[in-house]
Amino acid sequence: MIHQRIKKAKELDPNTGWHSRGYLPHFDGDQVTQFVTFRLADSLPATFLRHLKHRLDNKLITEIDYHREVERFLDQGRGPLHLSSHEIAKIVEENLLRFHGEKYDLFHWVIMPNHGHVLLRPLDGFTLSSIMHSMKSYTANECNKMLGRSGRFWAIESYDRYIRDGKHFDNTAKYIHLNPVKIGLCEAASDWTFGCARRHET
C-alpha cells in the first residue's frame, strides 16, 4: 500500500520527497522532522534481512513491523559493538552535535553499542540523505583510524520515519531516551553517557 502511494506521488510530483533506497520507502522532504536509526556494518545478518524482506514483500508484516524487528535484533547486541567504546561513541556524538543549528535541528539522540538513533529536522538546503552520508563518511574514517581497522564501518542502509504529529514526536523521544534502559545498560536514561537524556535532565 505505501509503495503504491509513493509511486503515485512521484507520478504526480517528482519533487514530493518520496523515494526508495533498496526496498524500503523514505521521505526526504524539506524541513520534515525524522527519526533515523543507523547501524554498524554486519550488525544484522544477511539471512535475517532476507527473511524480513520476504515477509514484507508478501505482506506478512508492515513497514512498521519491519522497523520494530530490526530494532529488536539490534538491541540484542550481536555482531560488532564498536560503539561500546567511549572513544568511538564520542566521535559519533561530537559529530552529531557539531552540525546542530547548521545542517539540522537535533532534538534527541542516543548512541548504542551497535547502532544509534537521532530525531532531527534538516534545515533549508540540506536533505536527510546528504546529512547521513556526511556523518557516516566522516565518522567511519575517524573511527576506523582509532580502531586500527579498515573496511566498511557503517551499514549502507539507514531506517528513517518522518514524524507525523506531536504525540508521535513525544513517543519517539521517549523511545530514544529509554533504549539503553530497556536492554539493561543502565538504570535511568540520564545515566547513559552517550545520549541526550542526561543533558535534558541537567
Protein backbone atom coordinates (compact mmCIF):
# COMPACT_ATOMS: atom_id res chain seq x y z
CA MET A 1 0.00 0.00 0.00
CA ILE A 2 2.66 2.51 0.99
CA HIS A 3 4.73 1.66 -2.11
CA GLN A 4 1.69 2.44 -4.27
CA ARG A 5 1.28 5.81 -2.57
CA ILE A 6 4.93 6.63 -3.20
CA LYS A 7 4.69 5.63 -6.86
CA LYS A 8 1.56 7.75 -7.31
CA ALA A 9 3.15 10.71 -5.52
CA LYS A 10 6.16 10.53 -7.82
CA GLU A 11 3.93 10.43 -10.89
CA LEU A 12 2.05 13.48 -9.68
CA ASP A 13 5.06 15.42 -8.40
CA PRO A 14 8.67 14.24 -8.77
CA ASN A 15 9.68 16.69 -6.03
CA THR A 16 7.46 15.26 -3.28
CA GLY A 17 10.45 13.93 -1.35
CA TRP A 18 9.37 10.29 -1.50
CA HIS A 19 11.94 7.88 -2.89
CA SER A 20 13.17 4.35 -2.37
CA ARG A 21 16.59 3.08 -1.35
CA GLY A 22 16.56 -0.65 -1.88
CA TYR A 23 13.06 -1.79 -0.96
CA LEU A 24 12.03 0.48 1.91
CA PRO A 25 10.36 3.83 1.19
CA HIS A 26 11.88 7.04 2.53
CA PHE A 27 10.66 10.59 2.79
CA ASP A 28 13.30 13.26 2.29
CA GLY A 29 11.15 16.37 2.04
CA ASP A 30 12.21 19.82 3.16
CA GLN A 31 12.30 20.54 6.90
CA VAL A 32 10.41 17.42 7.99
CA THR A 33 11.33 16.01 11.40
CA GLN A 34 12.71 12.49 11.04
CA PHE A 35 13.50 9.57 13.34
CA VAL A 36 16.59 7.82 11.98
CA THR A 37 18.22 4.57 13.05
CA PHE A 38 21.73 3.94 11.74
CA ARG A 39 23.79 0.86 12.50
CA LEU A 40 27.21 -0.72 12.21
CA ALA A 41 28.04 -2.86 9.22
CA ASP A 42 27.40 -6.57 9.84
CA SER A 43 25.19 -5.82 12.85
CA LEU A 44 22.30 -7.59 11.10
CA PRO A 45 22.82 -10.99 9.43
CA ALA A 46 22.04 -11.15 5.72
CA THR A 47 19.75 -14.13 6.32
CA PHE A 48 17.73 -12.12 8.85
CA LEU A 49 17.32 -9.22 6.41
CA ARG A 50 16.34 -11.54 3.53
CA HIS A 51 13.72 -13.17 5.72
CA LEU A 52 12.33 -9.78 6.74
CA LYS A 53 12.24 -8.63 3.11
CA HIS A 54 10.40 -11.80 2.10
CA ARG A 55 7.79 -11.22 4.81
CA LEU A 56 7.44 -7.56 3.82
CA ASP A 57 7.14 -8.33 0.10
CA ASN A 58 4.45 -10.92 0.81
CA LYS A 59 2.56 -8.53 3.09
CA LEU A 60 3.04 -10.74 6.11
CA ILE A 61 4.36 -7.72 8.03
CA THR A 62 4.02 -3.97 7.65
CA GLU A 63 6.83 -1.46 7.26
CA ILE A 64 6.37 -0.56 10.96
CA ASP A 65 6.78 -4.25 11.86
CA TYR A 66 9.94 -4.32 9.75
CA HIS A 67 11.47 -1.44 11.71
CA ARG A 68 10.49 -2.98 15.03
CA GLU A 69 12.06 -6.32 14.11
CA VAL A 70 15.29 -4.57 13.09
CA GLU A 71 15.46 -2.57 16.32
CA ARG A 72 14.64 -5.62 18.43
CA PHE A 73 17.51 -7.55 16.84
CA LEU A 74 19.93 -4.65 17.22
CA ASP A 75 19.08 -4.38 20.91
CA GLN A 76 20.30 -7.95 21.40
CA GLY A 77 23.83 -6.61 20.90
CA ARG A 78 25.10 -9.21 18.44
CA GLY A 79 27.85 -8.66 15.91
CA PRO A 80 30.35 -5.78 16.12
CA LEU A 81 29.97 -3.46 19.12
CA HIS A 82 32.45 -0.73 18.23
CA LEU A 83 30.20 1.97 19.69
CA SER A 84 30.51 0.49 23.18
CA SER A 85 33.95 2.14 23.26
CA HIS A 86 33.65 5.60 24.82
CA GLU A 87 36.28 6.96 22.44
CA ILE A 88 34.36 5.73 19.39
CA ALA A 89 30.93 6.80 20.67
CA LYS A 90 32.36 10.22 21.44
CA ILE A 91 33.47 10.69 17.83
CA VAL A 92 29.94 9.97 16.63
CA GLU A 93 28.19 12.10 19.25
CA GLU A 94 30.51 15.08 18.76
CA ASN A 95 29.94 14.93 15.01
CA LEU A 96 26.16 14.91 15.51
CA LEU A 97 26.35 17.89 17.85
CA ARG A 98 28.76 19.81 15.64
CA PHE A 99 26.20 20.42 12.88
CA HIS A 100 23.22 21.15 15.12
CA GLY A 101 21.88 24.52 14.00
CA GLU A 102 23.99 24.42 10.84
CA LYS A 103 22.63 21.47 8.86
CA TYR A 104 19.77 20.38 11.08
CA ASP A 105 17.98 20.86 14.36
CA LEU A 106 18.99 17.92 16.56
CA PHE A 107 16.27 17.24 19.11
CA HIS A 108 17.14 13.86 20.63
CA TRP A 109 19.81 11.20 20.16
CA VAL A 110 21.37 8.11 21.69
CA ILE A 111 24.44 6.09 20.74
CA MET A 112 24.03 2.37 21.48
CA PRO A 113 26.76 -0.32 21.26
CA ASN A 114 25.95 -1.25 17.63
CA HIS A 115 23.57 1.48 16.42
CA GLY A 116 22.32 4.98 17.01
CA HIS A 117 19.02 6.86 16.98
CA VAL A 118 18.50 10.52 16.14
CA LEU A 119 15.44 12.73 15.98
CA LEU A 120 16.24 15.71 13.79
CA ARG A 121 14.88 18.16 11.25
CA PRO A 122 17.02 19.13 8.24
CA LEU A 123 17.48 22.85 7.73
CA ASP A 124 16.87 24.62 4.46
CA GLY A 125 19.29 23.47 1.77
CA PHE A 126 20.07 20.09 3.34
CA THR A 127 18.47 16.71 2.77
CA LEU A 128 18.34 13.81 5.18
CA SER A 129 20.32 11.62 2.79
CA SER A 130 23.13 14.20 2.45
CA ILE A 131 23.23 14.67 6.23
CA MET A 132 23.51 10.94 6.90
CA HIS A 133 26.07 10.42 4.13
CA SER A 134 28.29 13.18 5.51
CA MET A 135 28.02 11.91 9.09
CA LYS A 136 28.75 8.32 8.15
CA SER A 137 31.65 9.19 5.86
CA TYR A 138 33.49 11.35 8.40
CA THR A 139 32.88 9.18 11.45
CA ALA A 140 33.73 5.96 9.59
CA ASN A 141 37.15 7.32 8.68
CA GLU A 142 37.83 8.63 12.17
CA CYS A 143 36.58 5.52 13.97
CA ASN A 144 38.46 3.14 11.69
CA LYS A 145 41.66 5.09 12.33
CA MET A 146 41.17 4.90 16.07
CA LEU A 147 40.37 1.19 15.92
CA GLY A 148 43.28 0.45 13.59
CA ARG A 149 40.99 -1.25 11.12
CA SER A 150 39.80 -0.78 7.54
CA GLY A 151 36.68 -1.69 5.63
CA ARG A 152 33.06 -0.69 5.95
CA PHE A 153 32.18 0.78 9.34
CA TRP A 154 28.51 1.66 8.88
CA ALA A 155 25.78 -0.29 7.13
CA ILE A 156 24.71 1.45 3.94
CA GLU A 157 21.03 1.43 4.81
CA SER A 158 19.54 3.71 7.47
CA TYR A 159 15.99 3.39 8.70
CA ASP A 160 14.02 6.63 8.77
CA ARG A 161 10.46 7.56 9.61
CA TYR A 162 9.04 11.05 9.36
CA ILE A 163 7.27 12.39 12.43
CA ARG A 164 3.52 12.80 11.93
CA ASP A 165 2.48 14.93 14.91
CA GLY A 166 3.32 16.00 18.45
CA LYS A 167 2.30 12.71 20.03
CA HIS A 168 4.50 10.79 17.59
CA PHE A 169 7.37 13.15 18.41
CA ASP A 170 6.97 12.64 22.17
CA ASN A 171 6.72 8.85 21.87
CA THR A 172 9.81 8.76 19.68
CA ALA A 173 11.79 10.93 22.09
CA LYS A 174 10.77 8.62 24.95
CA TYR A 175 11.86 5.57 22.93
CA ILE A 176 15.26 7.14 22.28
CA HIS A 177 15.78 8.06 25.93
CA LEU A 178 14.75 4.66 27.26
CA ASN A 179 16.55 2.46 24.73
CA PRO A 180 19.62 1.81 26.94
CA VAL A 181 17.38 1.33 30.00
CA LYS A 182 15.14 -1.17 28.21
CA ILE A 183 18.00 -3.52 27.41
CA GLY A 184 19.65 -3.19 30.82
CA LEU A 185 22.64 -0.98 30.05
CA CYS A 186 21.71 1.50 32.78
CA GLU A 187 19.02 2.07 35.39
CA ALA A 188 17.94 5.56 34.33
CA ALA A 189 18.06 7.25 30.94
CA SER A 190 20.14 10.09 32.39
CA ASP A 191 22.82 7.58 33.44
CA TRP A 192 23.69 6.75 29.83
CA THR A 193 26.78 8.68 28.77
CA PHE A 194 26.15 8.98 25.04
CA GLY A 195 22.59 10.20 24.82
CA CYS A 196 20.66 13.42 25.24
CA ALA A 197 18.65 12.34 28.32
CA ARG A 198 21.44 13.33 30.70
CA ARG A 199 21.70 16.76 29.06
CA HIS A 200 17.97 17.29 29.28
CA GLU A 201 17.96 16.38 32.96
CA THR A 202 20.77 18.78 33.80
